[in-house]
Amino acid sequence: IGWATPAALGAALASPSRRVILATGEGAHQLTMQEISQFARFGLK
């Protein structure tokens, strides 16, 4: 639980030209949601 949020970050860094969509439940998101700050830090959308 919580894998998808940071995994999506890794995917976005691996291929910044492609659109990355993350779909997660709030329970899973609460475990790892800090990583959304990294999307902004590295200019990802």
ModelCIF file with pLDDT and N, C-alpha, C, O atoms, coordinates in Angstrom:
data_MODEL
#
_entry.id   MODEL 
#
_entity.id                         1 
_entity.type                       polymer 
_entity.pdbx_number_of_molecules   1 
#
_entity_poly.entity_id                      1 
_entity_poly.type                           'polypeptide(L)' 
_entity_poly.nstd_linkage                   no 
_entity_poly.nstd_monomer                   no 
_entity_poly.pdbx_seq_one_letter_code       IGWATPAALGAALASPSRRVILATGEGAHQLTMQEISQFARFGLK 
_entity_poly.pdbx_seq_one_letter_code_can   IGWATPAALGAALASPSRRVILATGEGAHQLTMQEISQFARFGLK 
_entity_poly.pdbx_strand_id                 A 
#
loop_
_entity_poly_seq.entity_id 
_entity_poly_seq.num 
_entity_poly_seq.mon_id 
_entity_poly_seq.hetero 
1 1  ILE n 
1 2  GLY n 
1 3  TRP n 
1 4  ALA n 
1 5  THR n 
1 6  PRO n 
1 7  ALA n 
1 8  ALA n 
1 9  LEU n 
1 10 GLY n 
1 11 ALA n 
1 12 ALA n 
1 13 LEU n 
1 14 ALA n 
1 15 SER n 
1 16 PRO n 
1 17 SER n 
1 18 ARG n 
1 19 ARG n 
1 20 VAL n 
1 21 ILE n 
1 22 LEU n 
1 23 ALA n 
1 24 THR n 
1 25 GLY n 
1 26 GLU n 
1 27 GLY n 
1 28 ALA n 
1 29 HIS n 
1 30 GLN n 
1 31 LEU n 
1 32 THR n 
1 33 MET n 
1 34 GLN n 
1 35 GLU n 
1 36 ILE n 
1 37 SER n 
1 38 GLN n 
1 39 PHE n 
1 40 ALA n 
1 41 ARG n 
1 42 PHE n 
1 43 GLY n 
1 44 LEU n 
1 45 LYS n 
#
_struct_asym.id          A 
_struct_asym.entity_id   1 
#
loop_
_ma_qa_metric.id 
_ma_qa_metric.mode 
_ma_qa_metric.name 
_ma_qa_metric.software_group_id 
_ma_qa_metric.type 
1 global pLDDT . pLDDT 
2 local  pLDDT . pLDDT 
#
_ma_qa_metric_global.metric_id      1 
_ma_qa_metric_global.metric_value   97.16 
_ma_qa_metric_global.model_id       1 
_ma_qa_metric_global.ordinal_id     1 
#
loop_
_ma_qa_metric_local.label_asym_id 
_ma_qa_metric_local.label_comp_id 
_ma_qa_metric_local.label_seq_id 
_ma_qa_metric_local.metric_id 
_ma_qa_metric_local.metric_value 
_ma_qa_metric_local.model_id 
_ma_qa_metric_local.ordinal_id 
A ILE 1  2 95.00 1 1  
A GLY 2  2 97.00 1 2  
A TRP 3  2 98.00 1 3  
A ALA 4  2 98.00 1 4  
A THR 5  2 98.00 1 5  
A PRO 6  2 98.00 1 6  
A ALA 7  2 98.00 1 7  
A ALA 8  2 98.00 1 8  
A LEU 9  2 98.00 1 9  
A GLY 10 2 98.00 1 10 
A ALA 11 2 98.00 1 11 
A ALA 12 2 98.00 1 12 
A LEU 13 2 98.00 1 13 
A ALA 14 2 98.00 1 14 
A SER 15 2 98.00 1 15 
A PRO 16 2 96.00 1 16 
A SER 17 2 96.00 1 17 
A ARG 18 2 97.00 1 18 
A ARG 19 2 98.00 1 19 
A VAL 20 2 98.00 1 20 
A ILE 21 2 98.00 1 21 
A LEU 22 2 98.00 1 22 
A ALA 23 2 98.00 1 23 
A THR 24 2 97.00 1 24 
A GLY 25 2 96.00 1 25 
A GLU 26 2 96.00 1 26 
A GLY 27 2 95.00 1 27 
A ALA 28 2 96.00 1 28 
A HIS 29 2 97.00 1 29 
A GLN 30 2 97.00 1 30 
A LEU 31 2 97.00 1 31 
A THR 32 2 97.00 1 32 
A MET 33 2 97.00 1 33 
A GLN 34 2 96.00 1 34 
A GLU 35 2 97.00 1 35 
A ILE 36 2 97.00 1 36 
A SER 37 2 97.00 1 37 
A GLN 38 2 97.00 1 38 
A PHE 39 2 98.00 1 39 
A ALA 40 2 97.00 1 40 
A ARG 41 2 96.00 1 41 
A PHE 42 2 97.00 1 42 
A GLY 43 2 96.00 1 43 
A LEU 44 2 97.00 1 44 
A LYS 45 2 97.00 1 45 
#
loop_
_atom_site.group_PDB 
_atom_site.id 
_atom_site.type_symbol 
_atom_site.label_atom_id 
_atom_site.label_alt_id 
_atom_site.label_comp_id 
_atom_site.label_asym_id 
_atom_site.label_entity_id 
_atom_site.label_seq_id 
_atom_site.pdbx_PDB_ins_code 
_atom_site.Cartn_x 
_atom_site.Cartn_y 
_atom_site.Cartn_z 
_atom_site.occupancy 
_atom_site.B_iso_or_equiv 
_atom_site.pdbx_formal_charge 
_atom_site.auth_seq_id 
_atom_site.auth_comp_id 
_atom_site.auth_asym_id 
_atom_site.auth_atom_id 
_atom_site.pdbx_PDB_model_num 
ATOM 1   N N  . ILE A 1 1  ? 0.831  -1.195 0.000   1.00 95.00 ? 1  ILE A N  1 
ATOM 2   C CA . ILE A 1 1  ? 0.000  0.000  0.000   1.00 95.00 ? 1  ILE A CA 1 
ATOM 3   C C  . ILE A 1 1  ? 0.873  1.255  0.000   1.00 95.00 ? 1  ILE A C  1 
ATOM 4   O O  . ILE A 1 1  ? 1.823  1.367  0.775   1.00 95.00 ? 1  ILE A O  1 
ATOM 5   N N  . GLY A 1 2  ? 0.537  2.186  -0.873  1.00 97.00 ? 2  GLY A N  1 
ATOM 6   C CA . GLY A 1 2  ? 1.282  3.429  -0.985  1.00 97.00 ? 2  GLY A CA 1 
ATOM 7   C C  . GLY A 1 2  ? 2.345  3.428  -2.074  1.00 97.00 ? 2  GLY A C  1 
ATOM 8   O O  . GLY A 1 2  ? 2.990  4.451  -2.307  1.00 97.00 ? 2  GLY A O  1 
ATOM 9   N N  . TRP A 1 3  ? 2.538  2.292  -2.744  1.00 98.00 ? 3  TRP A N  1 
ATOM 10  C CA . TRP A 1 3  ? 3.587  2.162  -3.761  1.00 98.00 ? 3  TRP A CA 1 
ATOM 11  C C  . TRP A 1 3  ? 3.431  3.151  -4.914  1.00 98.00 ? 3  TRP A C  1 
ATOM 12  O O  . TRP A 1 3  ? 4.422  3.706  -5.389  1.00 98.00 ? 3  TRP A O  1 
ATOM 13  N N  . ALA A 1 4  ? 2.205  3.376  -5.364  1.00 98.00 ? 4  ALA A N  1 
ATOM 14  C CA . ALA A 1 4  ? 1.987  4.040  -6.651  1.00 98.00 ? 4  ALA A CA 1 
ATOM 15  C C  . ALA A 1 4  ? 2.434  5.499  -6.682  1.00 98.00 ? 4  ALA A C  1 
ATOM 16  O O  . ALA A 1 4  ? 2.930  5.956  -7.712  1.00 98.00 ? 4  ALA A O  1 
ATOM 17  N N  . THR A 1 5  ? 2.275  6.248  -5.582  1.00 98.00 ? 5  THR A N  1 
ATOM 18  C CA . THR A 1 5  ? 2.623  7.675  -5.626  1.00 98.00 ? 5  THR A CA 1 
ATOM 19  C C  . THR A 1 5  ? 4.112  7.882  -5.910  1.00 98.00 ? 5  THR A C  1 
ATOM 20  O O  . THR A 1 5  ? 4.435  8.576  -6.873  1.00 98.00 ? 5  THR A O  1 
ATOM 21  N N  . PRO A 1 6  ? 5.037  7.319  -5.124  1.00 98.00 ? 6  PRO A N  1 
ATOM 22  C CA . PRO A 1 6  ? 6.451  7.503  -5.463  1.00 98.00 ? 6  PRO A CA 1 
ATOM 23  C C  . PRO A 1 6  ? 6.869  6.766  -6.728  1.00 98.00 ? 6  PRO A C  1 
ATOM 24  O O  . PRO A 1 6  ? 7.774  7.217  -7.430  1.00 98.00 ? 6  PRO A O  1 
ATOM 25  N N  . ALA A 1 7  ? 6.220  5.627  -7.036  1.00 98.00 ? 7  ALA A N  1 
ATOM 26  C CA . ALA A 1 7  ? 6.556  4.912  -8.273  1.00 98.00 ? 7  ALA A CA 1 
ATOM 27  C C  . ALA A 1 7  ? 6.228  5.767  -9.487  1.00 98.00 ? 7  ALA A C  1 
ATOM 28  O O  . ALA A 1 7  ? 6.968  5.763  -10.471 1.00 98.00 ? 7  ALA A O  1 
ATOM 29  N N  . ALA A 1 8  ? 5.115  6.504  -9.419  1.00 98.00 ? 8  ALA A N  1 
ATOM 30  C CA . ALA A 1 8  ? 4.754  7.408  -10.514 1.00 98.00 ? 8  ALA A CA 1 
ATOM 31  C C  . ALA A 1 8  ? 5.787  8.523  -10.656 1.00 98.00 ? 8  ALA A C  1 
ATOM 32  O O  . ALA A 1 8  ? 6.092  8.952  -11.769 1.00 98.00 ? 8  ALA A O  1 
ATOM 33  N N  . LEU A 1 9  ? 6.326  8.993  -9.527  1.00 98.00 ? 9  LEU A N  1 
ATOM 34  C CA . LEU A 1 9  ? 7.396  9.981  -9.577  1.00 98.00 ? 9  LEU A CA 1 
ATOM 35  C C  . LEU A 1 9  ? 8.600  9.419  -10.339 1.00 98.00 ? 9  LEU A C  1 
ATOM 36  O O  . LEU A 1 9  ? 9.153  10.080 -11.218 1.00 98.00 ? 9  LEU A O  1 
ATOM 37  N N  . GLY A 1 10 ? 8.993  8.207  -9.992  1.00 98.00 ? 10 GLY A N  1 
ATOM 38  C CA . GLY A 1 10 ? 10.125 7.573  -10.676 1.00 98.00 ? 10 GLY A CA 1 
ATOM 39  C C  . GLY A 1 10 ? 9.884  7.447  -12.169 1.00 98.00 ? 10 GLY A C  1 
ATOM 40  O O  . GLY A 1 10 ? 10.787 7.681  -12.972 1.00 98.00 ? 10 GLY A O  1 
ATOM 41  N N  . ALA A 1 11 ? 8.667  7.076  -12.540 1.00 98.00 ? 11 ALA A N  1 
ATOM 42  C CA . ALA A 1 11 ? 8.331  6.938  -13.959 1.00 98.00 ? 11 ALA A CA 1 
ATOM 43  C C  . ALA A 1 11 ? 8.396  8.277  -14.673 1.00 98.00 ? 11 ALA A C  1 
ATOM 44  O O  . ALA A 1 11 ? 8.874  8.358  -15.805 1.00 98.00 ? 11 ALA A O  1 
ATOM 45  N N  . ALA A 1 12 ? 7.915  9.331  -14.014 1.00 98.00 ? 12 ALA A N  1 
ATOM 46  C CA . ALA A 1 12 ? 7.932  10.666 -14.625 1.00 98.00 ? 12 ALA A CA 1 
ATOM 47  C C  . ALA A 1 12 ? 9.364  11.153 -14.839 1.00 98.00 ? 12 ALA A C  1 
ATOM 48  O O  . ALA A 1 12 ? 9.656  11.801 -15.844 1.00 98.00 ? 12 ALA A O  1 
ATOM 49  N N  . LEU A 1 13 ? 10.252 10.846 -13.904 1.00 98.00 ? 13 LEU A N  1 
ATOM 50  C CA . LEU A 1 13 ? 11.655 11.226 -14.062 1.00 98.00 ? 13 LEU A CA 1 
ATOM 51  C C  . LEU A 1 13 ? 12.324 10.409 -15.161 1.00 98.00 ? 13 LEU A C  1 
ATOM 52  O O  . LEU A 1 13 ? 13.208 10.903 -15.861 1.00 98.00 ? 13 LEU A O  1 
ATOM 53  N N  . ALA A 1 14 ? 11.894 9.151  -15.308 1.00 98.00 ? 14 ALA A N  1 
ATOM 54  C CA . ALA A 1 14 ? 12.466 8.288  -16.339 1.00 98.00 ? 14 ALA A CA 1 
ATOM 55  C C  . ALA A 1 14 ? 12.067 8.726  -17.732 1.00 98.00 ? 14 ALA A C  1 
ATOM 56  O O  . ALA A 1 14 ? 12.837 8.571  -18.680 1.00 98.00 ? 14 ALA A O  1 
ATOM 57  N N  . SER A 1 15 ? 10.850 9.279  -17.865 1.00 98.00 ? 15 SER A N  1 
ATOM 58  C CA . SER A 1 15 ? 10.356 9.682  -19.188 1.00 98.00 ? 15 SER A CA 1 
ATOM 59  C C  . SER A 1 15 ? 9.559  10.982 -19.070 1.00 98.00 ? 15 SER A C  1 
ATOM 60  O O  . SER A 1 15 ? 8.331  10.963 -19.140 1.00 98.00 ? 15 SER A O  1 
ATOM 61  N N  . PRO A 1 16 ? 10.249 12.103 -18.893 1.00 96.00 ? 16 PRO A N  1 
ATOM 62  C CA . PRO A 1 16 ? 9.555  13.373 -18.639 1.00 96.00 ? 16 PRO A CA 1 
ATOM 63  C C  . PRO A 1 16 ? 8.733  13.884 -19.816 1.00 96.00 ? 16 PRO A C  1 
ATOM 64  O O  . PRO A 1 16 ? 7.886  14.759 -19.635 1.00 96.00 ? 16 PRO A O  1 
ATOM 65  N N  . SER A 1 17 ? 8.961  13.361 -21.008 1.00 96.00 ? 17 SER A N  1 
ATOM 66  C CA . SER A 1 17 ? 8.200  13.823 -22.173 1.00 96.00 ? 17 SER A CA 1 
ATOM 67  C C  . SER A 1 17 ? 6.833  13.165 -22.287 1.00 96.00 ? 17 SER A C  1 
ATOM 68  O O  . SER A 1 17 ? 5.988  13.634 -23.049 1.00 96.00 ? 17 SER A O  1 
ATOM 69  N N  . ARG A 1 18 ? 6.598  12.082 -21.540 1.00 97.00 ? 18 ARG A N  1 
ATOM 70  C CA . ARG A 1 18 ? 5.316  11.385 -21.592 1.00 97.00 ? 18 ARG A CA 1 
ATOM 71  C C  . ARG A 1 18 ? 4.420  11.837 -20.440 1.00 97.00 ? 18 ARG A C  1 
ATOM 72  O O  . ARG A 1 18 ? 4.898  12.261 -19.388 1.00 97.00 ? 18 ARG A O  1 
ATOM 73  N N  . ARG A 1 19 ? 3.115  11.736 -20.663 1.00 98.00 ? 19 ARG A N  1 
ATOM 74  C CA . ARG A 1 19 ? 2.160  12.135 -19.629 1.00 98.00 ? 19 ARG A CA 1 
ATOM 75  C C  . ARG A 1 19 ? 2.019  11.016 -18.609 1.00 98.00 ? 19 ARG A C  1 
ATOM 76  O O  . ARG A 1 19 ? 1.760  9.868  -18.969 1.00 98.00 ? 19 ARG A O  1 
ATOM 77  N N  . VAL A 1 20 ? 2.190  11.352 -17.344 1.00 98.00 ? 20 VAL A N  1 
ATOM 78  C CA . VAL A 1 20 ? 2.070  10.382 -16.258 1.00 98.00 ? 20 VAL A CA 1 
ATOM 79  C C  . VAL A 1 20 ? 0.781  10.645 -15.493 1.00 98.00 ? 20 VAL A C  1 
ATOM 80  O O  . VAL A 1 20 ? 0.515  11.767 -15.061 1.00 98.00 ? 20 VAL A O  1 
ATOM 81  N N  . ILE A 1 21 ? -0.010 9.595  -15.334 1.00 98.00 ? 21 ILE A N  1 
ATOM 82  C CA . ILE A 1 21 ? -1.281 9.671  -14.601 1.00 98.00 ? 21 ILE A CA 1 
ATOM 83  C C  . ILE A 1 21 ? -1.188 8.752  -13.388 1.00 98.00 ? 21 ILE A C  1 
ATOM 84  O O  . ILE A 1 21 ? -0.877 7.568  -13.516 1.00 98.00 ? 21 ILE A O  1 
ATOM 85  N N  . LEU A 1 22 ? -1.455 9.298  -12.231 1.00 98.00 ? 22 LEU A N  1 
ATOM 86  C CA . LEU A 1 22 ? -1.487 8.522  -10.988 1.00 98.00 ? 22 LEU A CA 1 
ATOM 87  C C  . LEU A 1 22 ? -2.924 8.444  -10.496 1.00 98.00 ? 22 LEU A C  1 
ATOM 88  O O  . LEU A 1 22 ? -3.592 9.468  -10.350 1.00 98.00 ? 22 LEU A O  1 
ATOM 89  N N  . ALA A 1 23 ? -3.397 7.230  -10.241 1.00 98.00 ? 23 ALA A N  1 
ATOM 90  C CA . ALA A 1 23 ? -4.737 7.019  -9.696  1.00 98.00 ? 23 ALA A CA 1 
ATOM 91  C C  . ALA A 1 23 ? -4.593 6.200  -8.418  1.00 98.00 ? 23 ALA A C  1 
ATOM 92  O O  . ALA A 1 23 ? -4.227 5.026  -8.459  1.00 98.00 ? 23 ALA A O  1 
ATOM 93  N N  . THR A 1 24 ? -4.884 6.832  -7.286  1.00 97.00 ? 24 THR A N  1 
ATOM 94  C CA . THR A 1 24 ? -4.660 6.178  -6.003  1.00 97.00 ? 24 THR A CA 1 
ATOM 95  C C  . THR A 1 24 ? -5.812 6.446  -5.049  1.00 97.00 ? 24 THR A C  1 
ATOM 96  O O  . THR A 1 24 ? -6.505 7.458  -5.162  1.00 97.00 ? 24 THR A O  1 
ATOM 97  N N  . GLY A 1 25 ? -6.008 5.536  -4.113  1.00 96.00 ? 25 GLY A N  1 
ATOM 98  C CA . GLY A 1 25 ? -6.991 5.758  -3.064  1.00 96.00 ? 25 GLY A CA 1 
ATOM 99  C C  . GLY A 1 25 ? -6.404 6.596  -1.945  1.00 96.00 ? 25 GLY A C  1 
ATOM 100 O O  . GLY A 1 25 ? -5.186 6.646  -1.775  1.00 96.00 ? 25 GLY A O  1 
ATOM 101 N N  . GLU A 1 26 ? -7.271 7.259  -1.176  1.00 96.00 ? 26 GLU A N  1 
ATOM 102 C CA . GLU A 1 26 ? -6.751 8.157  -0.147  1.00 96.00 ? 26 GLU A CA 1 
ATOM 103 C C  . GLU A 1 26 ? -6.018 7.394  0.946   1.00 96.00 ? 26 GLU A C  1 
ATOM 104 O O  . GLU A 1 26 ? -5.093 7.937  1.550   1.00 96.00 ? 26 GLU A O  1 
ATOM 105 N N  . GLY A 1 27 ? -6.400 6.163  1.215   1.00 95.00 ? 27 GLY A N  1 
ATOM 106 C CA . GLY A 1 27 ? -5.703 5.379  2.226   1.00 95.00 ? 27 GLY A CA 1 
ATOM 107 C C  . GLY A 1 27 ? -4.265 5.095  1.830   1.00 95.00 ? 27 GLY A C  1 
ATOM 108 O O  . GLY A 1 27 ? -3.346 5.273  2.630   1.00 95.00 ? 27 GLY A O  1 
ATOM 109 N N  . ALA A 1 28 ? -4.074 4.656  0.598   1.00 96.00 ? 28 ALA A N  1 
ATOM 110 C CA . ALA A 1 28 ? -2.719 4.405  0.097   1.00 96.00 ? 28 ALA A CA 1 
ATOM 111 C C  . ALA A 1 28 ? -1.932 5.700  -0.006  1.00 96.00 ? 28 ALA A C  1 
ATOM 112 O O  . ALA A 1 28 ? -0.745 5.739  0.318   1.00 96.00 ? 28 ALA A O  1 
ATOM 113 N N  . HIS A 1 29 ? -2.585 6.747  -0.450  1.00 97.00 ? 29 HIS A N  1 
ATOM 114 C CA . HIS A 1 29 ? -1.922 8.037  -0.672  1.00 97.00 ? 29 HIS A CA 1 
ATOM 115 C C  . HIS A 1 29 ? -1.376 8.606  0.631   1.00 97.00 ? 29 HIS A C  1 
ATOM 116 O O  . HIS A 1 29 ? -0.338 9.267  0.630   1.00 97.00 ? 29 HIS A O  1 
ATOM 117 N N  . GLN A 1 30 ? -2.063 8.357  1.738   1.00 97.00 ? 30 GLN A N  1 
ATOM 118 C CA . GLN A 1 30 ? -1.607 8.910  3.018   1.00 97.00 ? 30 GLN A CA 1 
ATOM 119 C C  . GLN A 1 30 ? -0.246 8.359  3.436   1.00 97.00 ? 30 GLN A C  1 
ATOM 120 O O  . GLN A 1 30 ? 0.481  9.012  4.186   1.00 97.00 ? 30 GLN A O  1 
ATOM 121 N N  . LEU A 1 31 ? 0.106  7.162  2.959   1.00 97.00 ? 31 LEU A N  1 
ATOM 122 C CA . LEU A 1 31 ? 1.388  6.579  3.353   1.00 97.00 ? 31 LEU A CA 1 
ATOM 123 C C  . LEU A 1 31 ? 2.581  7.261  2.705   1.00 97.00 ? 31 LEU A C  1 
ATOM 124 O O  . LEU A 1 31 ? 3.651  7.343  3.310   1.00 97.00 ? 31 LEU A O  1 
ATOM 125 N N  . THR A 1 32 ? 2.411  7.752  1.480   1.00 97.00 ? 32 THR A N  1 
ATOM 126 C CA . THR A 1 32 ? 3.579  8.206  0.717   1.00 97.00 ? 32 THR A CA 1 
ATOM 127 C C  . THR A 1 32 ? 3.359  9.519  -0.014  1.00 97.00 ? 32 THR A C  1 
ATOM 128 O O  . THR A 1 32 ? 4.140  9.868  -0.899  1.00 97.00 ? 32 THR A O  1 
ATOM 129 N N  . MET A 1 33 ? 2.307  10.255 0.338   1.00 97.00 ? 33 MET A N  1 
ATOM 130 C CA . MET A 1 33 ? 1.936  11.420 -0.457  1.00 97.00 ? 33 MET A CA 1 
ATOM 131 C C  . MET A 1 33 ? 2.967  12.556 -0.393  1.00 97.00 ? 33 MET A C  1 
ATOM 132 O O  . MET A 1 33 ? 2.895  13.490 -1.191  1.00 97.00 ? 33 MET A O  1 
ATOM 133 N N  . GLN A 1 34 ? 3.934  12.489 0.551   1.00 96.00 ? 34 GLN A N  1 
ATOM 134 C CA . GLN A 1 34 ? 4.957  13.538 0.599   1.00 96.00 ? 34 GLN A CA 1 
ATOM 135 C C  . GLN A 1 34 ? 5.674  13.689 -0.744  1.00 96.00 ? 34 GLN A C  1 
ATOM 136 O O  . GLN A 1 34 ? 6.157  14.768 -1.086  1.00 96.00 ? 34 GLN A O  1 
ATOM 137 N N  . GLU A 1 35 ? 5.734  12.576 -1.506  1.00 97.00 ? 35 GLU A N  1 
ATOM 138 C CA . GLU A 1 35 ? 6.508  12.606 -2.744  1.00 97.00 ? 35 GLU A CA 1 
ATOM 139 C C  . GLU A 1 35 ? 5.893  13.482 -3.825  1.00 97.00 ? 35 GLU A C  1 
ATOM 140 O O  . GLU A 1 35 ? 6.555  13.752 -4.827  1.00 97.00 ? 35 GLU A O  1 
ATOM 141 N N  . ILE A 1 36 ? 4.649  13.937 -3.665  1.00 97.00 ? 36 ILE A N  1 
ATOM 142 C CA . ILE A 1 36 ? 4.126  14.854 -4.688  1.00 97.00 ? 36 ILE A CA 1 
ATOM 143 C C  . ILE A 1 36 ? 4.932  16.143 -4.703  1.00 97.00 ? 36 ILE A C  1 
ATOM 144 O O  . ILE A 1 36 ? 4.965  16.841 -5.716  1.00 97.00 ? 36 ILE A O  1 
ATOM 145 N N  . SER A 1 37 ? 5.586  16.466 -3.585  1.00 97.00 ? 37 SER A N  1 
ATOM 146 C CA . SER A 1 37 ? 6.442  17.658 -3.554  1.00 97.00 ? 37 SER A CA 1 
ATOM 147 C C  . SER A 1 37 ? 7.606  17.525 -4.524  1.00 97.00 ? 37 SER A C  1 
ATOM 148 O O  . SER A 1 37 ? 8.097  18.520 -5.057  1.00 97.00 ? 37 SER A O  1 
ATOM 149 N N  . GLN A 1 38 ? 8.048  16.281 -4.754  1.00 97.00 ? 38 GLN A N  1 
ATOM 150 C CA . GLN A 1 38 ? 9.182  16.068 -5.664  1.00 97.00 ? 38 GLN A CA 1 
ATOM 151 C C  . GLN A 1 38 ? 8.795  16.310 -7.123  1.00 97.00 ? 38 GLN A C  1 
ATOM 152 O O  . GLN A 1 38 ? 9.630  16.721 -7.929  1.00 97.00 ? 38 GLN A O  1 
ATOM 153 N N  . PHE A 1 39 ? 7.523  16.053 -7.463  1.00 98.00 ? 39 PHE A N  1 
ATOM 154 C CA . PHE A 1 39 ? 7.079  16.365 -8.822  1.00 98.00 ? 39 PHE A CA 1 
ATOM 155 C C  . PHE A 1 39 ? 7.317  17.852 -9.110  1.00 98.00 ? 39 PHE A C  1 
ATOM 156 O O  . PHE A 1 39 ? 7.857  18.223 -10.152 1.00 98.00 ? 39 PHE A O  1 
ATOM 157 N N  . ALA A 1 40 ? 6.900  18.680 -8.164  1.00 97.00 ? 40 ALA A N  1 
ATOM 158 C CA . ALA A 1 40 ? 7.077  20.122 -8.352  1.00 97.00 ? 40 ALA A CA 1 
ATOM 159 C C  . ALA A 1 40 ? 8.551  20.511 -8.336  1.00 97.00 ? 40 ALA A C  1 
ATOM 160 O O  . ALA A 1 40 ? 8.984  21.363 -9.111  1.00 97.00 ? 40 ALA A O  1 
ATOM 161 N N  . ARG A 1 41 ? 9.306  19.890 -7.461  1.00 96.00 ? 41 ARG A N  1 
ATOM 162 C CA . ARG A 1 41 ? 10.734 20.197 -7.319  1.00 96.00 ? 41 ARG A CA 1 
ATOM 163 C C  . ARG A 1 41 ? 11.493 19.997 -8.623  1.00 96.00 ? 41 ARG A C  1 
ATOM 164 O O  . ARG A 1 41 ? 12.415 20.747 -8.944  1.00 96.00 ? 41 ARG A O  1 
ATOM 165 N N  . PHE A 1 42 ? 11.086 18.962 -9.377  1.00 97.00 ? 42 PHE A N  1 
ATOM 166 C CA . PHE A 1 42 ? 11.787 18.640 -10.621 1.00 97.00 ? 42 PHE A CA 1 
ATOM 167 C C  . PHE A 1 42 ? 11.020 19.091 -11.866 1.00 97.00 ? 42 PHE A C  1 
ATOM 168 O O  . PHE A 1 42 ? 11.319 18.656 -12.978 1.00 97.00 ? 42 PHE A O  1 
ATOM 169 N N  . GLY A 1 43 ? 10.028 19.965 -11.669 1.00 96.00 ? 43 GLY A N  1 
ATOM 170 C CA . GLY A 1 43 ? 9.333  20.557 -12.790 1.00 96.00 ? 43 GLY A CA 1 
ATOM 171 C C  . GLY A 1 43 ? 8.471  19.594 -13.583 1.00 96.00 ? 43 GLY A C  1 
ATOM 172 O O  . GLY A 1 43 ? 8.267  19.798 -14.780 1.00 96.00 ? 43 GLY A O  1 
ATOM 173 N N  . LEU A 1 44 ? 7.956  18.542 -12.941 1.00 97.00 ? 44 LEU A N  1 
ATOM 174 C CA . LEU A 1 44 ? 7.138  17.538 -13.618 1.00 97.00 ? 44 LEU A CA 1 
ATOM 175 C C  . LEU A 1 44 ? 5.661  17.906 -13.505 1.00 97.00 ? 44 LEU A C  1 
ATOM 176 O O  . LEU A 1 44 ? 5.259  18.605 -12.575 1.00 97.00 ? 44 LEU A O  1 
ATOM 177 N N  . LYS A 1 45 ? 4.858  17.434 -14.450 1.00 97.00 ? 45 LYS A N  1 
ATOM 178 C CA . LYS A 1 45 ? 3.452  17.830 -14.515 1.00 97.00 ? 45 LYS A CA 1 
ATOM 179 C C  . LYS A 1 45 ? 2.531  16.604 -14.580 1.00 97.00 ? 45 LYS A C  1 
ATOM 180 O O  . LYS A 1 45 ? 1.311  16.750 -14.639 1.00 97.00 ? 45 LYS A O  1 
#
